[in-house]
């Protein structure tokens, strides 16, 4: 995965929704740039519902915590938005990593059980 942060904004002003999709590596530092994009999108229309989609990005835990905090408080950080405008954010997080060996362990258990039933 590329470390460079790429952001795509999709707007549907008629429905009052916007999606800010990020790919790459989201760090506490690069998150500041993402917040600026979210702030700009938020000011396009009052009451806009923003979806911050980082499901296809590698997100550091500290950055995810900050995004979740903004989602819960409905505000961007004061350093980004000193006026603290209402910001209705939902976060689409990456799926938690699944251990590669889990599937193998399950298959081994199923095979063992099938062999014991056959005996």
Protein backbone atom coordinates (compact mmCIF):
# COMPACT_ATOMS: atom_id res chain seq x y z
CA UNK A 1 0.00 0.00 0.00
CA UNK A 2 1.22 3.48 -0.84
CA UNK A 3 2.14 5.77 2.06
CA UNK A 4 1.01 8.87 0.17
CA UNK A 5 -2.42 10.08 1.25
CA UNK A 6 -4.95 10.32 -1.59
CA UNK A 7 -8.35 11.90 -0.99
CA UNK A 8 -11.44 11.85 -3.18
CA UNK A 9 -14.57 13.86 -2.35
CA UNK A 10 -17.98 12.85 -3.67
CA UNK A 11 -20.83 15.29 -3.14
CA UNK A 12 -24.58 14.93 -3.44
CA UNK A 13 -25.84 18.33 -2.39
CA UNK A 14 -29.44 17.47 -3.25
CA UNK A 15 -29.38 14.65 -0.70
CA UNK A 16 -27.16 16.58 1.69
CA UNK A 17 -24.39 13.99 1.75
CA UNK A 18 -20.68 13.98 1.06
CA UNK A 19 -18.09 11.23 1.13
CA UNK A 20 -14.45 11.97 1.81
CA UNK A 21 -12.58 8.80 0.83
CA UNK A 22 -8.93 8.45 1.82
CA UNK A 23 -6.39 5.93 0.62
CA UNK A 24 -2.78 5.48 1.62
CA UNK A 25 -1.39 5.94 5.11
CA UNK A 26 -3.39 8.03 7.59
CA UNK A 27 -1.19 9.24 10.41
CA UNK A 28 -1.78 11.84 13.11
CA UNK A 29 0.13 14.27 10.88
CA UNK A 30 -1.65 13.47 7.59
CA UNK A 31 -4.99 13.48 9.41
CA UNK A 32 -4.65 17.26 9.71
CA UNK A 33 -4.77 17.56 5.90
CA UNK A 34 -7.78 15.25 5.81
CA UNK A 35 -9.54 17.44 8.37
CA UNK A 36 -9.01 20.49 6.12
CA UNK A 37 -10.77 18.68 3.25
CA UNK A 38 -13.60 17.63 5.59
CA UNK A 39 -13.95 21.22 6.82
CA UNK A 40 -14.23 22.54 3.26
CA UNK A 41 -16.84 19.92 2.38
CA UNK A 42 -18.77 20.70 5.58
CA UNK A 43 -19.06 24.37 4.67
CA UNK A 44 -20.64 23.67 1.28
CA UNK A 45 -24.08 23.16 2.75
CA UNK A 46 -25.49 23.47 6.25
CA UNK A 47 -26.47 20.14 7.81
CA UNK A 48 -24.41 18.11 5.36
CA UNK A 49 -23.84 14.49 6.42
CA UNK A 50 -20.16 13.62 5.91
CA UNK A 51 -18.85 10.10 5.59
CA UNK A 52 -15.11 9.83 6.10
CA UNK A 53 -14.18 6.58 4.40
CA UNK A 54 -10.79 5.27 5.49
CA UNK A 55 -11.75 1.64 4.85
CA UNK A 56 -9.15 1.35 2.08
CA UNK A 57 -6.38 3.11 4.00
CA UNK A 58 -3.80 2.06 6.55
CA UNK A 59 -4.82 4.06 9.62
CA UNK A 60 -2.65 4.48 12.70
CA UNK A 61 -4.55 3.83 15.95
CA UNK A 62 -4.03 7.39 17.21
CA UNK A 63 -5.48 8.81 14.00
CA UNK A 64 -8.49 6.48 14.21
CA UNK A 65 -9.11 7.57 17.81
CA UNK A 66 -9.09 11.20 16.70
CA UNK A 67 -11.53 10.49 13.88
CA UNK A 68 -13.87 8.64 16.24
CA UNK A 69 -13.69 11.53 18.74
CA UNK A 70 -14.71 13.99 16.00
CA UNK A 71 -17.56 11.70 15.02
CA UNK A 72 -18.81 11.54 18.60
CA UNK A 73 -18.42 15.26 19.32
CA UNK A 74 -19.72 16.44 15.90
CA UNK A 75 -16.84 18.92 15.75
CA UNK A 76 -13.45 19.07 14.08
CA UNK A 77 -10.43 19.91 16.25
CA UNK A 78 -10.30 23.57 17.30
CA UNK A 79 -6.94 23.96 15.55
CA UNK A 80 -8.70 23.14 12.25
CA UNK A 81 -12.04 24.84 12.91
CA UNK A 82 -11.70 27.56 15.56
CA UNK A 83 -15.40 28.45 15.21
CA UNK A 84 -16.34 24.84 16.09
CA UNK A 85 -19.07 24.55 13.44
CA UNK A 86 -21.38 21.56 13.73
CA UNK A 87 -19.91 18.71 11.66
CA UNK A 88 -21.97 15.55 11.25
CA UNK A 89 -19.27 12.91 10.58
CA UNK A 90 -19.53 9.15 10.22
CA UNK A 91 -16.34 7.12 9.91
CA UNK A 92 -15.99 4.00 7.78
CA UNK A 93 -13.03 2.25 9.39
CA UNK A 94 -10.82 -0.42 7.86
CA UNK A 95 -11.79 -4.00 8.66
CA UNK A 96 -9.72 -5.43 11.50
CA UNK A 97 -6.90 -7.64 10.24
CA UNK A 98 -7.65 -11.34 10.36
CA UNK A 99 -4.82 -13.63 11.36
CA UNK A 100 -3.75 -15.67 8.36
CA UNK A 101 -3.48 -18.84 10.41
CA UNK A 102 -7.09 -18.68 11.69
CA UNK A 103 -8.46 -20.23 8.51
CA UNK A 104 -5.81 -22.95 8.62
CA UNK A 105 -6.54 -23.74 12.28
CA UNK A 106 -10.26 -23.99 11.57
CA UNK A 107 -9.68 -26.32 8.62
CA UNK A 108 -7.42 -28.52 10.77
CA UNK A 109 -10.06 -28.72 13.51
CA UNK A 110 -12.78 -29.61 11.00
CA UNK A 111 -10.57 -32.26 9.41
CA UNK A 112 -9.76 -33.77 12.84
CA UNK A 113 -13.42 -33.82 13.80
CA UNK A 114 -14.40 -35.44 10.51
CA UNK A 115 -11.70 -38.11 10.96
CA UNK A 116 -12.86 -38.87 14.52
CA UNK A 117 -16.47 -39.20 13.36
CA UNK A 118 -15.45 -41.50 10.52
CA UNK A 119 -13.52 -43.82 12.86
